[in-house]
N, C-alpha and C. Protein backbone atom coordinates (compact mmCIF):
# COMPACT_ATOMS: atom_id res chain seq x y z
N MET A 1 -24.51 -39.84 -3.82
CA MET A 1 -24.48 -38.75 -2.88
C MET A 1 -23.07 -38.52 -2.36
N LYS A 2 -22.38 -39.62 -2.06
CA LYS A 2 -21.03 -39.52 -1.56
C LYS A 2 -20.11 -38.89 -2.60
N LYS A 3 -20.32 -39.26 -3.88
CA LYS A 3 -19.51 -38.72 -4.96
C LYS A 3 -19.75 -37.22 -5.10
N CYS A 4 -21.00 -36.81 -4.98
CA CYS A 4 -21.36 -35.39 -5.07
C CYS A 4 -20.71 -34.61 -3.94
N SER A 5 -20.71 -35.17 -2.74
CA SER A 5 -20.09 -34.51 -1.58
C SER A 5 -18.60 -34.33 -1.79
N LEU A 6 -17.95 -35.36 -2.34
CA LEU A 6 -16.52 -35.28 -2.60
C LEU A 6 -16.20 -34.21 -3.64
N ILE A 7 -17.04 -34.10 -4.66
CA ILE A 7 -16.84 -33.08 -5.69
C ILE A 7 -16.98 -31.68 -5.09
N LEU A 8 -18.02 -31.49 -4.27
CA LEU A 8 -18.22 -30.19 -3.63
C LEU A 8 -17.06 -29.84 -2.71
N LEU A 9 -16.55 -30.84 -1.99
CA LEU A 9 -15.42 -30.63 -1.11
C LEU A 9 -14.17 -30.24 -1.91
N ALA A 10 -13.96 -30.90 -3.03
CA ALA A 10 -12.81 -30.59 -3.89
C ALA A 10 -12.92 -29.17 -4.45
N VAL A 11 -14.12 -28.77 -4.86
CA VAL A 11 -14.33 -27.41 -5.39
C VAL A 11 -14.06 -26.38 -4.30
N ALA A 12 -14.58 -26.63 -3.11
CA ALA A 12 -14.36 -25.70 -1.99
C ALA A 12 -12.88 -25.58 -1.67
N PHE A 13 -12.16 -26.69 -1.69
CA PHE A 13 -10.72 -26.68 -1.42
C PHE A 13 -9.98 -25.90 -2.50
N ALA A 14 -10.37 -26.08 -3.75
CA ALA A 14 -9.72 -25.37 -4.85
C ALA A 14 -9.93 -23.87 -4.75
N ILE A 15 -11.15 -23.46 -4.37
CA ILE A 15 -11.44 -22.03 -4.22
C ILE A 15 -10.62 -21.45 -3.07
N THR A 16 -10.54 -22.17 -1.97
CA THR A 16 -9.77 -21.71 -0.82
C THR A 16 -8.29 -21.60 -1.16
N ALA A 17 -7.76 -22.58 -1.86
CA ALA A 17 -6.34 -22.57 -2.22
C ALA A 17 -6.02 -21.43 -3.17
N SER A 18 -6.91 -21.17 -4.13
CA SER A 18 -6.64 -20.11 -5.10
C SER A 18 -6.76 -18.73 -4.48
N ALA A 19 -7.48 -18.61 -3.38
CA ALA A 19 -7.68 -17.32 -2.73
C ALA A 19 -6.67 -17.08 -1.60
N GLN A 20 -5.70 -17.99 -1.46
CA GLN A 20 -4.75 -17.88 -0.36
C GLN A 20 -3.90 -16.64 -0.50
N ARG A 21 -3.70 -15.96 0.60
CA ARG A 21 -2.87 -14.77 0.63
C ARG A 21 -1.71 -15.02 1.59
N TYR A 22 -0.51 -14.67 1.16
CA TYR A 22 0.68 -14.85 1.97
C TYR A 22 1.05 -13.53 2.65
N ASN A 23 1.50 -13.62 3.88
CA ASN A 23 2.03 -12.45 4.56
C ASN A 23 3.34 -12.07 3.89
N VAL A 24 3.44 -10.86 3.34
CA VAL A 24 4.67 -10.44 2.67
C VAL A 24 5.31 -9.25 3.38
N GLY A 25 4.74 -8.81 4.50
CA GLY A 25 5.38 -7.74 5.24
C GLY A 25 4.41 -6.89 6.02
N THR A 26 5.00 -6.06 6.89
CA THR A 26 4.21 -5.13 7.69
C THR A 26 4.88 -3.77 7.69
N SER A 27 4.09 -2.74 7.97
CA SER A 27 4.61 -1.39 8.13
C SER A 27 4.02 -0.81 9.40
N HIS A 28 4.85 -0.07 10.13
CA HIS A 28 4.38 0.54 11.38
C HIS A 28 4.74 2.02 11.35
N SER A 29 3.74 2.90 11.47
CA SER A 29 3.94 4.34 11.37
C SER A 29 3.68 5.04 12.69
N THR A 30 4.55 6.00 13.01
CA THR A 30 4.36 6.85 14.18
C THR A 30 4.57 8.31 13.76
N SER A 31 3.92 9.21 14.46
CA SER A 31 4.06 10.65 14.18
C SER A 31 4.62 11.36 15.39
N ASP A 32 5.48 12.35 15.13
CA ASP A 32 6.02 13.12 16.23
C ASP A 32 5.17 14.37 16.48
N TYR A 33 5.62 15.18 17.40
CA TYR A 33 4.91 16.38 17.83
C TYR A 33 4.68 17.36 16.68
N TYR A 34 5.59 17.34 15.68
CA TYR A 34 5.51 18.29 14.57
C TYR A 34 4.73 17.75 13.37
N GLY A 35 4.22 16.55 13.50
CA GLY A 35 3.45 15.96 12.41
C GLY A 35 4.28 15.17 11.43
N ASN A 36 5.58 15.03 11.68
CA ASN A 36 6.42 14.21 10.82
C ASN A 36 6.13 12.74 11.10
N ARG A 37 6.02 11.96 10.03
CA ARG A 37 5.66 10.55 10.18
C ARG A 37 6.83 9.65 9.77
N THR A 38 7.15 8.69 10.64
CA THR A 38 8.19 7.71 10.34
C THR A 38 7.54 6.34 10.23
N THR A 39 7.80 5.68 9.10
CA THR A 39 7.24 4.35 8.86
C THR A 39 8.38 3.35 8.72
N THR A 40 8.30 2.27 9.51
CA THR A 40 9.29 1.20 9.43
C THR A 40 8.68 0.02 8.71
N HIS A 41 9.35 -0.44 7.67
CA HIS A 41 8.86 -1.56 6.86
C HIS A 41 9.62 -2.83 7.23
N ARG A 42 8.88 -3.93 7.37
CA ARG A 42 9.50 -5.22 7.69
C ARG A 42 8.99 -6.28 6.72
N ASN A 43 9.84 -7.28 6.46
CA ASN A 43 9.41 -8.38 5.60
C ASN A 43 8.63 -9.40 6.41
N GLN A 44 8.27 -10.50 5.76
CA GLN A 44 7.43 -11.51 6.42
C GLN A 44 8.13 -12.19 7.59
N TYR A 45 9.47 -12.01 7.70
CA TYR A 45 10.21 -12.63 8.80
C TYR A 45 10.46 -11.64 9.95
N GLY A 46 9.95 -10.42 9.81
CA GLY A 46 10.12 -9.41 10.85
C GLY A 46 11.39 -8.60 10.72
N GLN A 47 12.18 -8.84 9.66
CA GLN A 47 13.42 -8.09 9.47
C GLN A 47 13.10 -6.73 8.83
N THR A 48 13.77 -5.69 9.32
CA THR A 48 13.55 -4.35 8.78
C THR A 48 14.12 -4.27 7.37
N THR A 49 13.30 -3.85 6.41
CA THR A 49 13.74 -3.71 5.02
C THR A 49 13.92 -2.25 4.63
N GLY A 50 13.43 -1.33 5.46
CA GLY A 50 13.60 0.07 5.14
C GLY A 50 12.71 0.96 5.97
N THR A 51 12.87 2.26 5.76
CA THR A 51 12.05 3.25 6.45
C THR A 51 11.62 4.34 5.48
N SER A 52 10.53 5.00 5.82
CA SER A 52 10.05 6.15 5.08
C SER A 52 9.76 7.26 6.08
N VAL A 53 10.29 8.46 5.81
CA VAL A 53 10.08 9.59 6.70
C VAL A 53 9.37 10.69 5.92
N SER A 54 8.21 11.12 6.42
CA SER A 54 7.38 12.10 5.72
C SER A 54 7.23 13.38 6.53
N SER A 55 7.25 14.51 5.82
CA SER A 55 6.97 15.80 6.44
C SER A 55 6.13 16.62 5.48
N THR A 56 5.28 17.48 6.03
CA THR A 56 4.38 18.30 5.22
C THR A 56 4.72 19.77 5.44
N ASP A 57 4.86 20.50 4.32
CA ASP A 57 5.22 21.91 4.44
C ASP A 57 3.99 22.81 4.59
N TYR A 58 4.23 24.08 4.62
CA TYR A 58 3.20 25.09 4.83
C TYR A 58 2.12 25.06 3.75
N PHE A 59 2.49 24.60 2.54
CA PHE A 59 1.55 24.58 1.42
C PHE A 59 0.81 23.25 1.29
N GLY A 60 1.05 22.34 2.22
CA GLY A 60 0.36 21.06 2.20
C GLY A 60 1.02 20.01 1.34
N ILE A 61 2.24 20.28 0.88
CA ILE A 61 2.96 19.30 0.07
C ILE A 61 3.74 18.37 1.01
N THR A 62 3.50 17.08 0.85
CA THR A 62 4.17 16.07 1.69
C THR A 62 5.35 15.47 0.94
N THR A 63 6.52 15.54 1.56
CA THR A 63 7.73 14.96 0.98
C THR A 63 8.13 13.76 1.83
N THR A 64 8.34 12.63 1.17
CA THR A 64 8.72 11.39 1.86
C THR A 64 10.06 10.91 1.33
N THR A 65 10.97 10.62 2.23
CA THR A 65 12.27 10.06 1.87
C THR A 65 12.29 8.59 2.23
N HIS A 66 12.63 7.74 1.27
CA HIS A 66 12.66 6.29 1.48
C HIS A 66 14.11 5.83 1.63
N ARG A 67 14.36 5.03 2.65
CA ARG A 67 15.71 4.51 2.89
C ARG A 67 15.67 2.99 3.03
N ASP A 68 16.78 2.36 2.65
CA ASP A 68 16.87 0.90 2.81
C ASP A 68 17.24 0.57 4.24
N SER A 69 17.47 -0.72 4.50
CA SER A 69 17.73 -1.16 5.88
C SER A 69 19.06 -0.64 6.42
N TYR A 70 19.95 -0.13 5.54
CA TYR A 70 21.23 0.42 5.97
C TYR A 70 21.21 1.94 6.11
N GLY A 71 20.04 2.54 5.83
CA GLY A 71 19.92 3.99 5.93
C GLY A 71 20.24 4.74 4.67
N ASN A 72 20.55 4.02 3.58
CA ASN A 72 20.83 4.68 2.31
C ASN A 72 19.53 5.14 1.65
N THR A 73 19.52 6.36 1.13
CA THR A 73 18.34 6.87 0.44
C THR A 73 18.16 6.13 -0.88
N ILE A 74 16.97 5.56 -1.08
CA ILE A 74 16.70 4.82 -2.32
C ILE A 74 15.65 5.52 -3.18
N GLY A 75 15.06 6.60 -2.65
CA GLY A 75 14.07 7.32 -3.44
C GLY A 75 13.30 8.30 -2.58
N SER A 76 12.38 9.00 -3.24
CA SER A 76 11.55 9.97 -2.53
C SER A 76 10.21 10.09 -3.24
N SER A 77 9.25 10.67 -2.53
CA SER A 77 7.91 10.89 -3.09
C SER A 77 7.43 12.27 -2.68
N LYS A 78 6.68 12.92 -3.58
CA LYS A 78 6.07 14.21 -3.25
C LYS A 78 4.59 14.12 -3.54
N SER A 79 3.76 14.51 -2.56
CA SER A 79 2.31 14.43 -2.71
C SER A 79 1.69 15.80 -2.49
N SER A 80 0.70 16.11 -3.32
CA SER A 80 -0.06 17.34 -3.15
C SER A 80 -1.53 17.03 -3.40
N THR A 81 -2.39 17.78 -2.73
CA THR A 81 -3.83 17.58 -2.83
C THR A 81 -4.48 18.83 -3.40
N ASP A 82 -5.37 18.65 -4.38
CA ASP A 82 -6.03 19.81 -4.98
C ASP A 82 -7.29 20.18 -4.20
N CYS A 83 -7.99 21.21 -4.68
CA CYS A 83 -9.16 21.72 -3.96
C CYS A 83 -10.33 20.74 -3.95
N PHE A 84 -10.27 19.69 -4.78
CA PHE A 84 -11.33 18.68 -4.81
C PHE A 84 -11.01 17.47 -3.94
N GLY A 85 -9.84 17.48 -3.31
CA GLY A 85 -9.45 16.37 -2.46
C GLY A 85 -8.71 15.27 -3.20
N ASN A 86 -8.39 15.48 -4.48
CA ASN A 86 -7.62 14.50 -5.24
C ASN A 86 -6.14 14.67 -4.91
N THR A 87 -5.44 13.56 -4.74
CA THR A 87 -4.02 13.61 -4.39
C THR A 87 -3.18 13.05 -5.53
N VAL A 88 -2.13 13.79 -5.88
CA VAL A 88 -1.18 13.35 -6.90
C VAL A 88 0.17 13.13 -6.22
N THR A 89 0.72 11.95 -6.36
CA THR A 89 2.03 11.62 -5.78
C THR A 89 2.98 11.26 -6.90
N THR A 90 4.16 11.88 -6.87
CA THR A 90 5.20 11.59 -7.86
C THR A 90 6.36 10.92 -7.14
N HIS A 91 6.80 9.79 -7.66
CA HIS A 91 7.89 9.02 -7.06
C HIS A 91 9.18 9.25 -7.85
N HIS A 92 10.28 9.38 -7.12
CA HIS A 92 11.59 9.59 -7.73
C HIS A 92 12.58 8.56 -7.21
N ASP A 93 13.56 8.22 -8.04
CA ASP A 93 14.62 7.34 -7.57
C ASP A 93 15.67 8.16 -6.82
N ARG A 94 16.75 7.53 -6.42
CA ARG A 94 17.76 8.22 -5.60
C ARG A 94 18.45 9.35 -6.36
N TYR A 95 18.34 9.35 -7.69
CA TYR A 95 18.98 10.39 -8.49
C TYR A 95 18.02 11.51 -8.87
N GLY A 96 16.76 11.39 -8.44
CA GLY A 96 15.79 12.43 -8.74
C GLY A 96 14.97 12.17 -9.99
N ASN A 97 15.22 11.05 -10.67
CA ASN A 97 14.45 10.72 -11.87
C ASN A 97 13.06 10.23 -11.48
N THR A 98 12.04 10.65 -12.22
CA THR A 98 10.68 10.20 -11.95
C THR A 98 10.52 8.73 -12.30
N THR A 99 10.01 7.96 -11.35
CA THR A 99 9.82 6.52 -11.58
C THR A 99 8.35 6.15 -11.73
N GLY A 100 7.46 7.08 -11.38
CA GLY A 100 6.04 6.79 -11.52
C GLY A 100 5.19 7.80 -10.77
N THR A 101 3.89 7.71 -10.98
CA THR A 101 2.95 8.59 -10.30
C THR A 101 1.76 7.80 -9.78
N ALA A 102 1.09 8.37 -8.80
CA ALA A 102 -0.13 7.78 -8.25
C ALA A 102 -1.16 8.89 -8.12
N ASN A 103 -2.35 8.67 -8.68
CA ASN A 103 -3.44 9.64 -8.62
C ASN A 103 -4.58 9.05 -7.82
N SER A 104 -4.93 9.71 -6.72
CA SER A 104 -5.97 9.21 -5.82
C SER A 104 -7.18 10.13 -5.79
N SER A 105 -8.36 9.54 -5.80
CA SER A 105 -9.60 10.30 -5.66
C SER A 105 -10.55 9.49 -4.77
N THR A 106 -11.38 10.22 -4.03
CA THR A 106 -12.32 9.59 -3.10
C THR A 106 -13.74 9.86 -3.55
N ASP A 107 -14.55 8.81 -3.60
CA ASP A 107 -15.93 8.98 -4.06
C ASP A 107 -16.86 9.36 -2.91
N TYR A 108 -18.11 9.47 -3.22
CA TYR A 108 -19.15 9.91 -2.27
C TYR A 108 -19.27 8.97 -1.09
N PHE A 109 -18.91 7.69 -1.29
CA PHE A 109 -19.05 6.69 -0.23
C PHE A 109 -17.79 6.54 0.61
N GLY A 110 -16.76 7.34 0.32
CA GLY A 110 -15.53 7.29 1.10
C GLY A 110 -14.52 6.28 0.62
N THR A 111 -14.76 5.68 -0.55
CA THR A 111 -13.81 4.74 -1.12
C THR A 111 -12.78 5.50 -1.95
N THR A 112 -11.51 5.27 -1.65
CA THR A 112 -10.43 5.94 -2.38
C THR A 112 -9.88 5.01 -3.45
N THR A 113 -9.84 5.51 -4.67
CA THR A 113 -9.26 4.75 -5.78
C THR A 113 -7.96 5.42 -6.19
N THR A 114 -6.89 4.63 -6.24
CA THR A 114 -5.58 5.14 -6.64
C THR A 114 -5.16 4.43 -7.92
N ARG A 115 -4.78 5.23 -8.91
CA ARG A 115 -4.30 4.68 -10.18
C ARG A 115 -2.82 4.98 -10.32
N TYR A 116 -2.04 3.93 -10.62
CA TYR A 116 -0.59 4.05 -10.70
C TYR A 116 -0.14 4.06 -12.16
N SER A 117 0.86 4.88 -12.44
CA SER A 117 1.40 4.98 -13.80
C SER A 117 2.91 4.96 -13.75
N ASP A 118 3.53 4.48 -14.84
CA ASP A 118 4.98 4.50 -14.94
C ASP A 118 5.43 5.89 -15.40
N PRO A 119 6.73 6.13 -15.59
CA PRO A 119 7.19 7.48 -15.97
C PRO A 119 6.64 7.96 -17.30
N TYR A 120 6.14 7.03 -18.13
CA TYR A 120 5.64 7.39 -19.45
C TYR A 120 4.12 7.53 -19.48
N GLY A 121 3.48 7.42 -18.31
CA GLY A 121 2.04 7.59 -18.23
C GLY A 121 1.24 6.33 -18.47
N ARG A 122 1.93 5.20 -18.63
CA ARG A 122 1.22 3.93 -18.85
C ARG A 122 0.75 3.36 -17.52
N SER A 123 -0.45 2.80 -17.50
CA SER A 123 -1.02 2.24 -16.28
C SER A 123 -0.22 1.04 -15.80
N THR A 124 0.05 1.01 -14.49
CA THR A 124 0.73 -0.14 -13.91
C THR A 124 -0.13 -0.84 -12.85
N GLY A 125 -1.32 -0.29 -12.58
CA GLY A 125 -2.20 -0.93 -11.62
C GLY A 125 -3.06 0.08 -10.87
N SER A 126 -3.80 -0.43 -9.91
CA SER A 126 -4.69 0.43 -9.12
C SER A 126 -4.93 -0.19 -7.75
N SER A 127 -5.43 0.63 -6.84
CA SER A 127 -5.81 0.18 -5.50
C SER A 127 -7.15 0.80 -5.13
N SER A 128 -7.98 0.04 -4.43
CA SER A 128 -9.23 0.56 -3.89
C SER A 128 -9.18 0.43 -2.38
N THR A 129 -9.41 1.55 -1.69
CA THR A 129 -9.28 1.58 -0.24
C THR A 129 -10.58 2.04 0.40
N SER A 130 -11.03 1.29 1.38
CA SER A 130 -12.22 1.68 2.15
C SER A 130 -11.82 1.81 3.62
N THR A 131 -12.49 2.73 4.31
CA THR A 131 -12.19 3.01 5.71
C THR A 131 -13.43 2.76 6.56
N ASP A 132 -13.26 2.05 7.67
CA ASP A 132 -14.41 1.79 8.54
C ASP A 132 -14.58 2.89 9.58
N TYR A 133 -15.53 2.69 10.44
CA TYR A 133 -15.91 3.68 11.45
C TYR A 133 -14.77 3.99 12.41
N PHE A 134 -13.85 3.04 12.61
CA PHE A 134 -12.76 3.21 13.57
C PHE A 134 -11.48 3.74 12.93
N GLY A 135 -11.52 4.01 11.63
CA GLY A 135 -10.34 4.50 10.93
C GLY A 135 -9.45 3.41 10.38
N ASN A 136 -9.87 2.14 10.49
CA ASN A 136 -9.11 1.05 9.91
C ASN A 136 -9.39 1.01 8.40
N THR A 137 -8.37 0.72 7.63
CA THR A 137 -8.53 0.71 6.18
C THR A 137 -8.23 -0.67 5.60
N THR A 138 -8.90 -0.98 4.52
CA THR A 138 -8.65 -2.20 3.75
C THR A 138 -8.45 -1.81 2.30
N SER A 139 -7.32 -2.23 1.72
CA SER A 139 -7.00 -1.90 0.34
C SER A 139 -6.88 -3.18 -0.48
N VAL A 140 -7.39 -3.13 -1.69
CA VAL A 140 -7.24 -4.23 -2.65
C VAL A 140 -6.38 -3.71 -3.79
N HIS A 141 -5.29 -4.42 -4.07
CA HIS A 141 -4.33 -3.99 -5.09
C HIS A 141 -4.50 -4.84 -6.35
N ARG A 142 -4.55 -4.16 -7.49
CA ARG A 142 -4.71 -4.85 -8.77
C ARG A 142 -3.62 -4.42 -9.74
N ASN A 143 -3.26 -5.33 -10.66
CA ASN A 143 -2.29 -4.96 -11.68
C ASN A 143 -3.00 -4.27 -12.83
N GLN A 144 -2.26 -3.95 -13.90
CA GLN A 144 -2.84 -3.20 -15.01
C GLN A 144 -3.93 -3.97 -15.75
N SER A 145 -3.98 -5.28 -15.56
CA SER A 145 -5.02 -6.09 -16.21
C SER A 145 -6.26 -6.25 -15.33
N GLY A 146 -6.21 -5.68 -14.12
CA GLY A 146 -7.34 -5.79 -13.21
C GLY A 146 -7.30 -7.00 -12.31
N TYR A 147 -6.21 -7.77 -12.38
CA TYR A 147 -6.08 -8.98 -11.56
C TYR A 147 -5.64 -8.61 -10.15
N THR A 148 -6.35 -9.08 -9.14
CA THR A 148 -6.00 -8.80 -7.75
C THR A 148 -4.79 -9.62 -7.34
N PHE A 149 -3.72 -8.92 -6.91
CA PHE A 149 -2.52 -9.63 -6.50
C PHE A 149 -2.21 -9.47 -5.02
N GLY A 150 -2.92 -8.58 -4.33
CA GLY A 150 -2.63 -8.42 -2.92
C GLY A 150 -3.62 -7.53 -2.20
N THR A 151 -3.51 -7.53 -0.89
CA THR A 151 -4.36 -6.70 -0.04
C THR A 151 -3.52 -6.08 1.08
N SER A 152 -4.00 -4.97 1.61
CA SER A 152 -3.38 -4.33 2.77
C SER A 152 -4.47 -4.03 3.78
N SER A 153 -4.20 -4.32 5.05
CA SER A 153 -5.14 -4.01 6.12
C SER A 153 -4.43 -3.18 7.16
N SER A 154 -4.97 -1.99 7.44
CA SER A 154 -4.35 -1.08 8.40
C SER A 154 -5.25 -0.88 9.61
N SER A 155 -4.63 -0.80 10.76
CA SER A 155 -5.37 -0.47 11.98
C SER A 155 -4.61 0.62 12.71
N ILE A 156 -5.35 1.45 13.43
CA ILE A 156 -4.75 2.57 14.14
C ILE A 156 -5.05 2.44 15.62
N ASP A 157 -4.02 2.65 16.46
CA ASP A 157 -4.24 2.51 17.90
C ASP A 157 -4.62 3.85 18.52
N CYS A 158 -4.81 3.86 19.83
CA CYS A 158 -5.28 5.06 20.51
C CYS A 158 -4.25 6.18 20.52
N PHE A 159 -3.00 5.87 20.17
CA PHE A 159 -1.95 6.89 20.13
C PHE A 159 -1.76 7.45 18.72
N GLY A 160 -2.53 6.95 17.75
CA GLY A 160 -2.42 7.41 16.38
C GLY A 160 -1.39 6.66 15.57
N ASN A 161 -0.80 5.60 16.13
CA ASN A 161 0.16 4.78 15.39
C ASN A 161 -0.61 3.83 14.48
N ARG A 162 -0.13 3.68 13.26
CA ARG A 162 -0.81 2.83 12.29
C ARG A 162 0.06 1.62 11.94
N THR A 163 -0.55 0.44 11.98
CA THR A 163 0.13 -0.80 11.58
C THR A 163 -0.59 -1.36 10.37
N THR A 164 0.19 -1.67 9.33
CA THR A 164 -0.37 -2.19 8.08
C THR A 164 0.17 -3.58 7.81
N GLN A 165 -0.72 -4.49 7.49
CA GLN A 165 -0.36 -5.87 7.14
C GLN A 165 -0.59 -6.06 5.65
N GLN A 166 0.48 -6.43 4.92
CA GLN A 166 0.36 -6.68 3.49
C GLN A 166 0.31 -8.17 3.21
N ARG A 167 -0.61 -8.55 2.33
CA ARG A 167 -0.73 -9.95 1.92
C ARG A 167 -0.76 -10.01 0.40
N SER A 168 -0.20 -11.08 -0.14
CA SER A 168 -0.12 -11.22 -1.59
C SER A 168 -0.33 -12.66 -2.02
N ASN A 169 -0.72 -12.84 -3.28
CA ASN A 169 -0.81 -14.18 -3.86
C ASN A 169 0.58 -14.79 -4.03
N ASP A 170 1.59 -13.91 -4.16
CA ASP A 170 2.97 -14.34 -4.39
C ASP A 170 3.76 -14.21 -3.09
N PRO A 171 4.22 -15.31 -2.50
CA PRO A 171 4.92 -15.23 -1.21
C PRO A 171 6.27 -14.53 -1.31
N ASP A 172 6.82 -14.36 -2.53
CA ASP A 172 8.13 -13.74 -2.70
C ASP A 172 8.04 -12.25 -3.03
N MET A 173 6.82 -11.71 -3.08
CA MET A 173 6.66 -10.30 -3.41
C MET A 173 7.16 -9.44 -2.27
N GLU A 174 7.83 -8.33 -2.60
CA GLU A 174 8.30 -7.40 -1.59
C GLU A 174 7.32 -6.23 -1.51
N ILE A 175 7.11 -5.70 -0.31
CA ILE A 175 6.15 -4.62 -0.17
C ILE A 175 6.65 -3.34 -0.82
N TRP A 176 7.94 -3.24 -1.09
CA TRP A 176 8.44 -2.04 -1.76
C TRP A 176 7.83 -1.93 -3.15
N SER A 177 7.46 -3.05 -3.74
CA SER A 177 6.91 -3.02 -5.10
C SER A 177 5.46 -2.58 -5.13
N TRP A 178 4.86 -2.31 -3.96
CA TRP A 178 3.48 -1.88 -3.88
C TRP A 178 3.38 -0.39 -4.05
């Protein structure tokens, strides 16, 4: 009996260890009076690694400029939503070259699935996001093989500010790679 208990304990420990998620960063978003959103990204030590500033035009196209911790532009993203609620986001580097795309669709149950592709249309991974009654979201991130490598949990306060906590299997992963 004692041997069986030790085996069960070892199995439970192994499962817990393999499911460990490391804090790899946080993001904090605020919106101004005009609907422009500023997001500050920080690493696991609380140091600012960059910012993203988003604005939406009259046609519903959202343009986001990404900057590093020194304020240098490192890229941009453009998002548009079709009449079915599907969102297509195209990412560009600092020179305007396309670096990838993200296609998001929401099912009947409110779960949003995002599929990521490189500039050549090859799959690089996916995310599944669910939203609770309070507007908090939980995302599971997978690579192109379907292996889960990280999660994101977002909460929104009474002022509309959103804080996102990113966790990963790899403690050295940067949130910019998400």
